[in-house]
C-alpha cells in the first residue's frame, strides 16, 4: 500500500530531471528553470524573480520539444546558467 501511494504522489508531483539557475541572488535577479516529466508528458517550468515570483509551466508530448524550449529560455535570458544537481 505504501509503495502505491508513493508512486501516485510522485506521478502527481512529476519527476524532476534537470534544474538550472542563473547564478544570481535577489528577488529581482534570480531565475530558475526546471525540466520535469509527468508520465508521458514533459514540462518546462520557469521562475524569474526569486522565491515569490510566479512560475510558468509549458507542457509537451515529447522530450525534444521540451528541451528545445528549455534551451530557448536559457538563450533568451543570456545568463551564465548553472546546472543544479538533484538531491
N, C-alpha and C. Protein backbone atom coordinates (compact mmCIF):
# COMPACT_ATOMS: atom_id res chain seq x y z
N UNK A 1 0.82 -1.20 0.00
CA UNK A 1 0.00 0.00 0.00
C UNK A 1 0.86 1.26 0.00
N UNK A 2 1.90 1.29 0.81
CA UNK A 2 2.76 2.46 0.87
C UNK A 2 3.43 2.73 -0.47
N UNK A 3 3.92 1.68 -1.11
CA UNK A 3 4.57 1.84 -2.40
C UNK A 3 3.61 2.44 -3.42
N UNK A 4 2.37 1.99 -3.43
CA UNK A 4 1.38 2.50 -4.36
C UNK A 4 1.13 3.99 -4.11
N UNK A 5 1.02 4.40 -2.86
CA UNK A 5 0.80 5.81 -2.53
C UNK A 5 2.01 6.65 -2.91
N UNK A 6 3.21 6.15 -2.66
CA UNK A 6 4.42 6.89 -3.04
C UNK A 6 4.49 7.07 -4.55
N UNK A 7 4.18 6.04 -5.30
CA UNK A 7 4.22 6.12 -6.76
C UNK A 7 3.19 7.12 -7.25
N UNK A 8 1.99 7.11 -6.68
CA UNK A 8 0.93 8.04 -7.07
C UNK A 8 1.35 9.48 -6.75
N UNK A 9 1.89 9.71 -5.57
CA UNK A 9 2.33 11.06 -5.18
C UNK A 9 3.44 11.55 -6.09
N UNK A 10 4.38 10.68 -6.43
CA UNK A 10 5.49 11.05 -7.30
C UNK A 10 4.97 11.41 -8.70
N UNK A 11 3.98 10.66 -9.20
CA UNK A 11 3.46 10.96 -10.54
C UNK A 11 2.71 12.28 -10.55
N UNK A 12 2.05 12.65 -9.46
CA UNK A 12 1.36 13.93 -9.39
C UNK A 12 2.35 15.09 -9.30
N UNK A 13 3.44 14.90 -8.59
CA UNK A 13 4.45 15.95 -8.43
C UNK A 13 5.35 16.04 -9.64
N UNK A 14 5.44 14.99 -10.40
CA UNK A 14 6.33 14.96 -11.55
C UNK A 14 7.71 14.51 -11.14
N UNK A 15 8.46 14.09 -12.11
CA UNK A 15 9.83 13.66 -11.88
C UNK A 15 10.76 14.78 -12.35
N UNK A 16 11.51 15.32 -11.42
CA UNK A 16 12.46 16.39 -11.75
C UNK A 16 13.67 15.78 -12.44
N UNK A 17 13.92 16.22 -13.67
CA UNK A 17 15.04 15.69 -14.44
C UNK A 17 16.24 16.63 -14.44
N UNK A 18 15.98 17.93 -14.56
CA UNK A 18 17.06 18.92 -14.57
C UNK A 18 16.58 20.20 -13.90
N UNK A 19 17.52 20.89 -13.30
CA UNK A 19 17.24 22.18 -12.68
C UNK A 19 18.41 23.11 -13.01
N UNK A 20 18.09 24.33 -13.41
CA UNK A 20 19.10 25.33 -13.78
C UNK A 20 18.78 26.64 -13.07
N UNK A 21 19.81 27.41 -12.73
CA UNK A 21 19.59 28.76 -12.20
C UNK A 21 20.65 29.68 -12.77
N UNK A 22 20.36 30.97 -12.75
CA UNK A 22 21.24 31.94 -13.43
C UNK A 22 22.41 32.40 -12.56
N UNK A 23 22.56 31.87 -11.37
CA UNK A 23 23.71 32.19 -10.53
C UNK A 23 23.62 33.51 -9.79
N UNK A 24 22.45 34.14 -9.86
CA UNK A 24 22.28 35.43 -9.20
C UNK A 24 21.33 35.30 -8.01
N UNK A 25 21.56 36.11 -7.00
CA UNK A 25 20.71 36.13 -5.82
C UNK A 25 19.87 37.41 -5.83
N UNK A 26 18.77 37.37 -5.14
CA UNK A 26 17.93 38.56 -5.03
C UNK A 26 16.62 38.42 -5.77
N UNK A 27 15.60 39.05 -5.23
CA UNK A 27 14.26 38.97 -5.78
C UNK A 27 14.17 39.43 -7.23
N UNK A 28 14.93 40.42 -7.62
CA UNK A 28 14.82 40.97 -8.96
C UNK A 28 15.76 40.32 -9.97
N UNK A 29 16.68 39.48 -9.51
CA UNK A 29 17.71 38.98 -10.41
C UNK A 29 17.69 37.47 -10.61
N UNK A 30 17.22 36.73 -9.64
CA UNK A 30 17.30 35.27 -9.73
C UNK A 30 16.29 34.71 -10.73
N UNK A 31 16.74 33.70 -11.46
CA UNK A 31 15.87 32.96 -12.38
C UNK A 31 16.17 31.47 -12.24
N UNK A 32 15.13 30.66 -12.38
CA UNK A 32 15.26 29.21 -12.28
C UNK A 32 14.50 28.56 -13.43
N UNK A 33 15.01 27.42 -13.88
CA UNK A 33 14.35 26.62 -14.91
C UNK A 33 14.35 25.16 -14.46
N UNK A 34 13.24 24.47 -14.69
CA UNK A 34 13.13 23.06 -14.34
C UNK A 34 12.63 22.28 -15.54
N UNK A 35 13.16 21.09 -15.71
CA UNK A 35 12.65 20.15 -16.70
C UNK A 35 12.08 18.98 -15.91
N UNK A 36 10.78 18.71 -16.12
CA UNK A 36 10.10 17.65 -15.39
C UNK A 36 9.38 16.72 -16.36
N UNK A 37 9.07 15.53 -15.85
CA UNK A 37 8.29 14.58 -16.63
C UNK A 37 7.14 14.09 -15.76
N UNK A 38 5.95 14.08 -16.34
CA UNK A 38 4.74 13.58 -15.69
C UNK A 38 4.24 12.41 -16.52
N UNK A 39 4.75 11.23 -16.28
CA UNK A 39 4.38 10.08 -17.09
C UNK A 39 4.87 10.28 -18.51
N UNK A 40 3.96 10.42 -19.47
CA UNK A 40 4.32 10.63 -20.87
C UNK A 40 4.47 12.11 -21.21
N UNK A 41 4.03 12.99 -20.34
CA UNK A 41 4.08 14.44 -20.61
C UNK A 41 5.38 15.03 -20.06
N UNK A 42 5.88 16.05 -20.76
CA UNK A 42 7.08 16.77 -20.37
C UNK A 42 6.70 18.20 -20.00
N UNK A 43 7.41 18.78 -19.05
CA UNK A 43 7.09 20.12 -18.58
C UNK A 43 8.36 20.94 -18.41
N UNK A 44 8.33 22.16 -18.91
CA UNK A 44 9.39 23.13 -18.64
C UNK A 44 8.76 24.19 -17.75
N UNK A 45 9.33 24.37 -16.58
CA UNK A 45 8.81 25.34 -15.62
C UNK A 45 9.86 26.42 -15.43
N UNK A 46 9.42 27.67 -15.40
CA UNK A 46 10.36 28.78 -15.23
C UNK A 46 9.87 29.72 -14.15
N UNK A 47 10.83 30.35 -13.49
CA UNK A 47 10.53 31.37 -12.48
C UNK A 47 11.58 32.45 -12.62
N UNK A 48 11.15 33.67 -12.81
CA UNK A 48 12.07 34.79 -12.94
C UNK A 48 11.72 35.82 -11.86
N UNK A 49 12.63 35.99 -10.90
CA UNK A 49 12.40 36.96 -9.85
C UNK A 49 12.49 36.42 -8.45
N UNK A 50 12.96 35.23 -8.25
CA UNK A 50 13.15 34.71 -6.90
C UNK A 50 11.95 33.95 -6.37
N UNK A 51 11.99 33.63 -5.09
CA UNK A 51 11.02 32.74 -4.46
C UNK A 51 9.57 33.21 -4.61
N UNK A 52 9.30 34.47 -4.47
CA UNK A 52 7.93 34.96 -4.53
C UNK A 52 7.38 35.13 -5.94
N UNK A 53 8.18 34.91 -6.94
CA UNK A 53 7.76 35.15 -8.32
C UNK A 53 6.83 34.05 -8.82
N UNK A 54 6.02 34.41 -9.79
CA UNK A 54 5.10 33.47 -10.40
C UNK A 54 5.87 32.47 -11.27
N UNK A 55 5.42 31.22 -11.24
CA UNK A 55 6.02 30.19 -12.09
C UNK A 55 5.18 30.03 -13.34
N UNK A 56 5.85 29.74 -14.44
CA UNK A 56 5.17 29.49 -15.71
C UNK A 56 5.49 28.07 -16.13
N UNK A 57 4.47 27.33 -16.55
CA UNK A 57 4.65 25.94 -16.96
C UNK A 57 4.20 25.76 -18.40
N UNK A 58 5.00 25.02 -19.15
CA UNK A 58 4.70 24.68 -20.54
C UNK A 58 4.79 23.17 -20.66
N UNK A 59 3.72 22.56 -21.18
CA UNK A 59 3.66 21.10 -21.29
C UNK A 59 3.83 20.66 -22.74
N UNK A 60 4.49 19.49 -22.91
CA UNK A 60 4.78 18.95 -24.23
C UNK A 60 4.54 17.45 -24.24
N UNK A 61 4.32 16.93 -25.41
CA UNK A 61 4.12 15.50 -25.56
C UNK A 61 5.40 14.73 -25.83
N UNK A 62 6.51 15.46 -26.04
CA UNK A 62 7.77 14.78 -26.32
C UNK A 62 8.95 15.54 -25.69
N UNK A 63 10.01 14.81 -25.45
CA UNK A 63 11.19 15.36 -24.79
C UNK A 63 11.88 16.41 -25.65
N UNK A 64 11.97 16.17 -26.95
CA UNK A 64 12.70 17.08 -27.83
C UNK A 64 12.09 18.49 -27.81
N UNK A 65 10.78 18.59 -27.82
CA UNK A 65 10.12 19.90 -27.78
C UNK A 65 10.37 20.61 -26.45
N UNK A 66 10.32 19.84 -25.37
CA UNK A 66 10.56 20.43 -24.04
C UNK A 66 12.00 20.94 -23.94
N UNK A 67 12.94 20.14 -24.40
CA UNK A 67 14.35 20.56 -24.34
C UNK A 67 14.62 21.74 -25.25
N UNK A 68 13.90 21.84 -26.34
CA UNK A 68 14.05 22.97 -27.24
C UNK A 68 13.62 24.27 -26.55
N UNK A 69 12.49 24.24 -25.85
CA UNK A 69 12.06 25.43 -25.11
C UNK A 69 13.04 25.75 -23.98
N UNK A 70 13.51 24.74 -23.29
CA UNK A 70 14.49 24.96 -22.21
C UNK A 70 15.71 25.69 -22.75
N UNK A 71 16.22 25.26 -23.89
CA UNK A 71 17.38 25.90 -24.49
C UNK A 71 17.05 27.33 -24.93
N UNK A 72 15.88 27.53 -25.48
CA UNK A 72 15.45 28.87 -25.91
C UNK A 72 15.40 29.81 -24.72
N UNK A 73 14.82 29.37 -23.62
CA UNK A 73 14.73 30.22 -22.43
C UNK A 73 16.12 30.56 -21.89
N UNK A 74 17.00 29.59 -21.89
CA UNK A 74 18.37 29.85 -21.42
C UNK A 74 19.06 30.86 -22.32
N UNK A 75 18.85 30.75 -23.62
CA UNK A 75 19.48 31.67 -24.58
C UNK A 75 18.88 33.07 -24.48
N UNK A 76 17.55 33.17 -24.39
CA UNK A 76 16.88 34.47 -24.33
C UNK A 76 17.30 35.30 -23.14
N UNK A 77 17.54 34.63 -22.03
CA UNK A 77 17.88 35.36 -20.81
C UNK A 77 19.37 35.64 -20.69
N UNK A 78 20.16 35.12 -21.62
CA UNK A 78 21.57 35.49 -21.74
C UNK A 78 22.39 35.40 -20.48
N UNK A 79 22.05 34.51 -19.61
CA UNK A 79 22.78 34.36 -18.36
C UNK A 79 23.82 33.25 -18.48
N UNK A 80 24.67 33.16 -17.50
CA UNK A 80 25.56 32.02 -17.37
C UNK A 80 24.82 31.00 -16.51
N UNK A 81 24.00 30.19 -17.12
CA UNK A 81 23.16 29.23 -16.39
C UNK A 81 24.02 28.16 -15.75
N UNK A 82 23.63 27.80 -14.55
CA UNK A 82 24.33 26.77 -13.78
C UNK A 82 23.39 25.60 -13.54
N UNK A 83 23.88 24.41 -13.80
CA UNK A 83 23.11 23.20 -13.55
C UNK A 83 23.13 22.94 -12.05
N UNK A 84 21.97 22.61 -11.50
CA UNK A 84 21.85 22.30 -10.07
C UNK A 84 21.60 20.80 -9.95
N UNK A 85 22.52 20.06 -9.32
CA UNK A 85 22.32 18.62 -9.17
C UNK A 85 21.09 18.31 -8.33
N UNK A 86 20.41 17.25 -8.67
CA UNK A 86 19.25 16.82 -7.88
C UNK A 86 19.71 16.21 -6.58
N UNK A 87 18.88 16.36 -5.55
CA UNK A 87 19.14 15.70 -4.27
C UNK A 87 20.10 16.46 -3.48
